[in-house]
């Protein structure tokens, strides 16, 4: 009596992420999302940080590109390239995660305060202080954001970073609402708190 091998559809493999590989999350519009959105407006698909002419593209690594499912990257490993990082298909275990943060900002014409989207690690650090080693790439935009302040000129403060188990990040969007997320464990992932 032999056993008959069972074929699992390729999509089923993506629904259940592999344990131990670097998972990807995105914090956008007051929510934590599993996977990061990929844009294909350019010749090749890429994550886009920032906006306007100040944006930074995080392309897929050409030799071993991260896989995309429904316009989202669920697992990736950052690979250093000449002008930043590219996202490769993970081929090694990692207890870290990749997080894309998108914090928007706007200016109020009625003379009230200008709200700026910001983010920082919830241990009293700012991204340019002790948390800087976690930031792989950061971008703002558009280029004239600090010059032309009007209702149509929405700005961004985006970043691609790694997080370790126990890290907590705080993101404040343009409406002043704060989103906090904790990387609880490899199994639980990034959880909104």
C-alpha atoms as a PDB file:
ATOM      1  CA  UNK A   1       0.000   0.000   0.000  1.00  0.00           C
ATOM      2  CA  UNK A   2       1.511   3.254  -1.072  1.00  0.00           C
ATOM      3  CA  UNK A   3       0.503   6.777  -0.285  1.00  0.00           C
ATOM      4  CA  UNK A   4      -0.710   9.157  -2.927  1.00  0.00           C
ATOM      5  CA  UNK A   5       0.918  12.601  -2.816  1.00  0.00           C
ATOM      6  CA  UNK A   6      -1.499  15.461  -2.291  1.00  0.00           C
ATOM      7  CA  UNK A   7      -1.124  18.553  -4.448  1.00  0.00           C
ATOM      8  CA  UNK A   8      -1.704  21.837  -2.654  1.00  0.00           C
ATOM      9  CA  UNK A   9      -2.723  24.761  -4.872  1.00  0.00           C
ATOM     10  CA  UNK A  10      -0.029  27.439  -5.067  1.00  0.00           C
ATOM     11  CA  UNK A  11      -2.373  30.091  -3.636  1.00  0.00           C
ATOM     12  CA  UNK A  12      -2.880  28.037  -0.454  1.00  0.00           C
ATOM     13  CA  UNK A  13       0.825  28.368   0.299  1.00  0.00           C
ATOM     14  CA  UNK A  14       0.484  32.170   0.341  1.00  0.00           C
ATOM     15  CA  UNK A  15      -2.569  32.174   2.584  1.00  0.00           C
ATOM     16  CA  UNK A  16      -0.583  30.353   5.273  1.00  0.00           C
ATOM     17  CA  UNK A  17       2.724  32.250   5.529  1.00  0.00           C
ATOM     18  CA  UNK A  18       5.875  30.259   6.084  1.00  0.00           C
ATOM     19  CA  UNK A  19       7.206  30.330   9.640  1.00  0.00           C
ATOM     20  CA  UNK A  20      10.511  32.054  10.269  1.00  0.00           C
ATOM     21  CA  UNK A  21      10.723  34.168   7.103  1.00  0.00           C
ATOM     22  CA  UNK A  22      10.653  37.958   7.179  1.00  0.00           C
ATOM     23  CA  UNK A  23       6.996  39.010   6.962  1.00  0.00           C
ATOM     24  CA  UNK A  24       5.895  42.400   5.660  1.00  0.00           C
ATOM     25  CA  UNK A  25       3.346  44.787   7.203  1.00  0.00           C
ATOM     26  CA  UNK A  26       2.079  48.252   6.337  1.00  0.00           C
ATOM     27  CA  UNK A  27       0.706  50.967   8.615  1.00  0.00           C
ATOM     28  CA  UNK A  28      -1.549  53.209   6.556  1.00  0.00           C
ATOM     29  CA  UNK A  29      -4.776  55.117   7.206  1.00  0.00           C
ATOM     30  CA  UNK A  30      -4.970  54.241  10.913  1.00  0.00           C
ATOM     31  CA  UNK A  31      -4.677  50.474  10.347  1.00  0.00           C
ATOM     32  CA  UNK A  32      -2.061  47.754  10.357  1.00  0.00           C
ATOM     33  CA  UNK A  33      -2.216  45.714   7.152  1.00  0.00           C
ATOM     34  CA  UNK A  34      -0.625  42.345   6.454  1.00  0.00           C
ATOM     35  CA  UNK A  35       1.587  42.851   3.427  1.00  0.00           C
ATOM     36  CA  UNK A  36       2.597  46.086   1.700  1.00  0.00           C
ATOM     37  CA  UNK A  37       0.913  47.489  -1.392  1.00  0.00           C
ATOM     38  CA  UNK A  38       2.913  47.382  -4.621  1.00  0.00           C
ATOM     39  CA  UNK A  39       2.457  49.939  -7.382  1.00  0.00           C
ATOM     40  CA  UNK A  40       3.006  49.156 -11.048  1.00  0.00           C
ATOM     41  CA  UNK A  41       2.827  52.653 -12.555  1.00  0.00           C
ATOM     42  CA  UNK A  42       6.497  52.496 -13.451  1.00  0.00           C
ATOM     43  CA  UNK A  43       8.170  50.012 -15.816  1.00  0.00           C
ATOM     44  CA  UNK A  44       8.666  47.637 -12.893  1.00  0.00           C
ATOM     45  CA  UNK A  45       6.595  46.996  -9.794  1.00  0.00           C
ATOM     46  CA  UNK A  46       7.816  48.691  -6.613  1.00  0.00           C
ATOM     47  CA  UNK A  47       6.876  49.946  -3.185  1.00  0.00           C
ATOM     48  CA  UNK A  48       6.695  53.738  -3.270  1.00  0.00           C
ATOM     49  CA  UNK A  49       7.690  55.842  -0.274  1.00  0.00           C
ATOM     50  CA  UNK A  50       6.862  59.545  -0.143  1.00  0.00           C
ATOM     51  CA  UNK A  51       5.109  61.409  -2.913  1.00  0.00           C
ATOM     52  CA  UNK A  52       5.679  63.611  -5.908  1.00  0.00           C
ATOM     53  CA  UNK A  53       9.217  64.106  -7.164  1.00  0.00           C
ATOM     54  CA  UNK A  54      10.656  63.293  -3.713  1.00  0.00           C
ATOM     55  CA  UNK A  55       9.346  59.744  -3.726  1.00  0.00           C
ATOM     56  CA  UNK A  56      11.656  56.773  -3.380  1.00  0.00           C
ATOM     57  CA  UNK A  57      10.990  53.493  -5.120  1.00  0.00           C
ATOM     58  CA  UNK A  58      11.817  50.212  -3.436  1.00  0.00           C
ATOM     59  CA  UNK A  59      12.001  47.827  -6.407  1.00  0.00           C
ATOM     60  CA  UNK A  60      11.848  44.064  -6.450  1.00  0.00           C
ATOM     61  CA  UNK A  61      15.274  42.415  -6.523  1.00  0.00           C
ATOM     62  CA  UNK A  62      15.880  41.276 -10.109  1.00  0.00           C
ATOM     63  CA  UNK A  63      17.701  37.999  -9.373  1.00  0.00           C
ATOM     64  CA  UNK A  64      15.211  36.710  -6.799  1.00  0.00           C
ATOM     65  CA  UNK A  65      12.186  39.057  -6.568  1.00  0.00           C
ATOM     66  CA  UNK A  66       9.762  39.002  -3.651  1.00  0.00           C
ATOM     67  CA  UNK A  67       6.500  37.375  -4.663  1.00  0.00           C
ATOM     68  CA  UNK A  68       3.345  39.451  -5.063  1.00  0.00           C
ATOM     69  CA  UNK A  69      -0.168  38.293  -4.261  1.00  0.00           C
ATOM     70  CA  UNK A  70      -3.104  40.607  -5.081  1.00  0.00           C
ATOM     71  CA  UNK A  71      -0.764  43.647  -5.381  1.00  0.00           C
ATOM     72  CA  UNK A  72       0.768  43.001  -1.941  1.00  0.00           C
ATOM     73  CA  UNK A  73       4.147  41.709  -0.823  1.00  0.00           C
ATOM     74  CA  UNK A  74       3.644  39.392   2.165  1.00  0.00           C
ATOM     75  CA  UNK A  75       7.212  38.171   2.675  1.00  0.00           C
ATOM     76  CA  UNK A  76      10.465  39.834   1.649  1.00  0.00           C
ATOM     77  CA  UNK A  77      14.083  40.266   2.571  1.00  0.00           C
ATOM     78  CA  UNK A  78      15.773  43.672   2.015  1.00  0.00           C
ATOM     79  CA  UNK A  79      18.831  43.567  -0.238  1.00  0.00           C
ATOM     80  CA  UNK A  80      21.173  46.543  -0.398  1.00  0.00           C
ATOM     81  CA  UNK A  81      21.549  48.006  -3.902  1.00  0.00           C
ATOM     82  CA  UNK A  82      23.376  51.068  -5.250  1.00  0.00           C
ATOM     83  CA  UNK A  83      20.639  53.590  -4.388  1.00  0.00           C
ATOM     84  CA  UNK A  84      18.825  52.011  -1.448  1.00  0.00           C
ATOM     85  CA  UNK A  85      17.191  48.620  -1.051  1.00  0.00           C
ATOM     86  CA  UNK A  86      15.349  46.075  -3.167  1.00  0.00           C
ATOM     87  CA  UNK A  87      12.969  43.396  -1.948  1.00  0.00           C
ATOM     88  CA  UNK A  88      13.962  39.782  -2.519  1.00  0.00           C
ATOM     89  CA  UNK A  89      12.145  36.529  -1.886  1.00  0.00           C
ATOM     90  CA  UNK A  90      13.277  35.394   1.577  1.00  0.00           C
ATOM     91  CA  UNK A  91      15.653  32.458   1.556  1.00  0.00           C
ATOM     92  CA  UNK A  92      16.618  32.458   5.225  1.00  0.00           C
ATOM     93  CA  UNK A  93      14.903  32.547   8.574  1.00  0.00           C
ATOM     94  CA  UNK A  94      14.497  35.823  10.454  1.00  0.00           C
ATOM     95  CA  UNK A  95      12.758  36.913  13.630  1.00  0.00           C
ATOM     96  CA  UNK A  96      12.471  40.488  12.297  1.00  0.00           C
ATOM     97  CA  UNK A  97       9.705  41.983  10.169  1.00  0.00           C
ATOM     98  CA  UNK A  98       9.643  44.671   7.478  1.00  0.00           C
ATOM     99  CA  UNK A  99       7.219  47.545   8.053  1.00  0.00           C
ATOM    100  CA  UNK A 100       6.146  50.240   5.608  1.00  0.00           C
ATOM    101  CA  UNK A 101       4.851  53.346   7.404  1.00  0.00           C
ATOM    102  CA  UNK A 102       2.807  55.969   5.592  1.00  0.00           C
ATOM    103  CA  UNK A 103       2.017  59.097   7.598  1.00  0.00           C
ATOM    104  CA  UNK A 104       0.208  61.891   5.773  1.00  0.00           C
ATOM    105  CA  UNK A 105       0.142  65.598   6.614  1.00  0.00           C
ATOM    106  CA  UNK A 106      -2.006  68.574   5.650  1.00  0.00           C
ATOM    107  CA  UNK A 107      -2.284  72.314   6.158  1.00  0.00           C
ATOM    108  CA  UNK A 108      -5.443  74.073   7.333  1.00  0.00           C
ATOM    109  CA  UNK A 109      -6.308  77.251   5.399  1.00  0.00           C
ATOM    110  CA  UNK A 110      -8.585  78.576   8.143  1.00  0.00           C
ATOM    111  CA  UNK A 111      -5.581  79.677  10.188  1.00  0.00           C
ATOM    112  CA  UNK A 112      -5.612  76.733  12.544  1.00  0.00           C
ATOM    113  CA  UNK A 113      -2.673  74.469  13.170  1.00  0.00           C
ATOM    114  CA  UNK A 114      -0.830  72.571  10.487  1.00  0.00           C
ATOM    115  CA  UNK A 115      -0.896  68.865  11.253  1.00  0.00           C
ATOM    116  CA  UNK A 116       2.042  66.792  10.275  1.00  0.00           C
ATOM    117  CA  UNK A 117       2.006  63.047  10.029  1.00  0.00           C
ATOM    118  CA  UNK A 118       4.787  61.664  12.213  1.00  0.00           C
ATOM    119  CA  UNK A 119       5.958  58.323  13.537  1.00  0.00           C
ATOM    120  CA  UNK A 120       8.371  57.172  16.205  1.00  0.00           C
ATOM    121  CA  UNK A 121       9.235  54.153  18.271  1.00  0.00           C
ATOM    122  CA  UNK A 122       7.328  54.007  21.541  1.00  0.00           C
ATOM    123  CA  UNK A 123      10.426  54.002  23.705  1.00  0.00           C
ATOM    124  CA  UNK A 124      11.032  57.736  23.623  1.00  0.00           C
ATOM    125  CA  UNK A 125      13.185  57.644  20.503  1.00  0.00           C
ATOM    126  CA  UNK A 126      12.706  59.454  17.245  1.00  0.00           C
ATOM    127  CA  UNK A 127      13.538  57.866  13.879  1.00  0.00           C
ATOM    128  CA  UNK A 128      16.697  59.973  13.562  1.00  0.00           C
ATOM    129  CA  UNK A 129      17.948  59.069  17.060  1.00  0.00           C
ATOM    130  CA  UNK A 130      18.296  55.594  18.546  1.00  0.00           C
ATOM    131  CA  UNK A 131      15.728  54.090  16.161  1.00  0.00           C
ATOM    132  CA  UNK A 132      17.667  55.211  13.095  1.00  0.00           C
ATOM    133  CA  UNK A 133      19.368  51.847  12.670  1.00  0.00           C
ATOM    134  CA  UNK A 134      15.930  50.284  12.068  1.00  0.00           C
ATOM    135  CA  UNK A 135      15.079  52.649   9.183  1.00  0.00           C
ATOM    136  CA  UNK A 136      16.204  51.316   5.811  1.00  0.00           C
ATOM    137  CA  UNK A 137      14.709  54.108   3.670  1.00  0.00           C
ATOM    138  CA  UNK A 138      12.635  57.219   4.351  1.00  0.00           C
ATOM    139  CA  UNK A 139      10.945  59.753   2.083  1.00  0.00           C
ATOM    140  CA  UNK A 140       8.771  62.822   2.263  1.00  0.00           C
ATOM    141  CA  UNK A 141       6.902  64.591  -0.438  1.00  0.00           C
ATOM    142  CA  UNK A 142       5.898  66.323  -2.524  1.00  0.00           C
ATOM    143  CA  UNK A 143       8.963  68.493  -3.144  1.00  0.00           C
ATOM    144  CA  UNK A 144       7.084  71.767  -2.556  1.00  0.00           C
ATOM    145  CA  UNK A 145       5.337  70.564   0.641  1.00  0.00           C
ATOM    146  CA  UNK A 146       7.234  72.956   2.928  1.00  0.00           C
ATOM    147  CA  UNK A 147       6.822  75.896   0.514  1.00  0.00           C
ATOM    148  CA  UNK A 148       3.270  75.588  -0.810  1.00  0.00           C
ATOM    149  CA  UNK A 149       0.886  74.945   2.076  1.00  0.00           C
ATOM    150  CA  UNK A 150      -2.665  74.564   0.863  1.00  0.00           C
ATOM    151  CA  UNK A 151      -5.572  72.167   1.009  1.00  0.00           C
ATOM    152  CA  UNK A 152      -4.558  70.390  -2.200  1.00  0.00           C
ATOM    153  CA  UNK A 153      -0.969  69.851  -1.120  1.00  0.00           C
ATOM    154  CA  UNK A 154      -1.015  66.718   1.025  1.00  0.00           C
ATOM    155  CA  UNK A 155       2.395  65.547   2.207  1.00  0.00           C
ATOM    156  CA  UNK A 156       3.883  62.232   3.279  1.00  0.00           C
ATOM    157  CA  UNK A 157       6.395  61.064   5.843  1.00  0.00           C
ATOM    158  CA  UNK A 158       7.010  57.452   4.854  1.00  0.00           C
ATOM    159  CA  UNK A 159       9.571  54.848   5.854  1.00  0.00           C
ATOM    160  CA  UNK A 160      10.633  51.267   5.275  1.00  0.00           C
ATOM    161  CA  UNK A 161      12.039  49.771   8.456  1.00  0.00           C
ATOM    162  CA  UNK A 162      12.764  46.575  10.294  1.00  0.00           C
ATOM    163  CA  UNK A 163      11.297  45.784  13.691  1.00  0.00           C
ATOM    164  CA  UNK A 164      12.358  43.250  16.297  1.00  0.00           C
ATOM    165  CA  UNK A 165      10.127  41.330  18.688  1.00  0.00           C
ATOM    166  CA  UNK A 166       8.938  43.695  21.431  1.00  0.00           C
ATOM    167  CA  UNK A 167       9.265  46.915  19.376  1.00  0.00           C
ATOM    168  CA  UNK A 168       6.303  49.296  19.511  1.00  0.00           C
ATOM    169  CA  UNK A 169       5.727  51.990  16.896  1.00  0.00           C
ATOM    170  CA  UNK A 170       3.423  55.007  17.092  1.00  0.00           C
ATOM    171  CA  UNK A 171       2.095  56.669  13.922  1.00  0.00           C
ATOM    172  CA  UNK A 172       0.131  59.924  13.975  1.00  0.00           C
ATOM    173  CA  UNK A 173      -1.720  60.636  10.721  1.00  0.00           C
ATOM    174  CA  UNK A 174      -2.948  63.964   9.301  1.00  0.00           C
ATOM    175  CA  UNK A 175      -6.152  63.905  11.318  1.00  0.00           C
ATOM    176  CA  UNK A 176      -4.259  63.567  14.599  1.00  0.00           C
ATOM    177  CA  UNK A 177      -5.383  59.995  15.189  1.00  0.00           C
ATOM    178  CA  UNK A 178      -2.668  57.836  16.642  1.00  0.00           C
ATOM    179  CA  UNK A 179      -2.062  54.250  15.598  1.00  0.00           C
ATOM    180  CA  UNK A 180       0.127  52.087  17.828  1.00  0.00           C
ATOM    181  CA  UNK A 181       1.389  48.659  16.872  1.00  0.00           C
ATOM    182  CA  UNK A 182       3.539  46.116  18.666  1.00  0.00           C
ATOM    183  CA  UNK A 183       5.581  43.324  17.149  1.00  0.00           C
ATOM    184  CA  UNK A 184       4.552  40.692  19.707  1.00  0.00           C
ATOM    185  CA  UNK A 185       6.127  37.532  18.332  1.00  0.00           C
ATOM    186  CA  UNK A 186       7.032  35.760  15.110  1.00  0.00           C
ATOM    187  CA  UNK A 187       3.734  33.876  15.322  1.00  0.00           C
ATOM    188  CA  UNK A 188       1.479  36.827  16.282  1.00  0.00           C
ATOM    189  CA  UNK A 189       3.220  39.366  14.042  1.00  0.00           C
ATOM    190  CA  UNK A 190       2.551  43.120  14.158  1.00  0.00           C
ATOM    191  CA  UNK A 191      -0.559  43.748  16.235  1.00  0.00           C
ATOM    192  CA  UNK A 192      -2.458  47.042  16.485  1.00  0.00           C
ATOM    193  CA  UNK A 193      -2.832  48.078  20.141  1.00  0.00           C
END
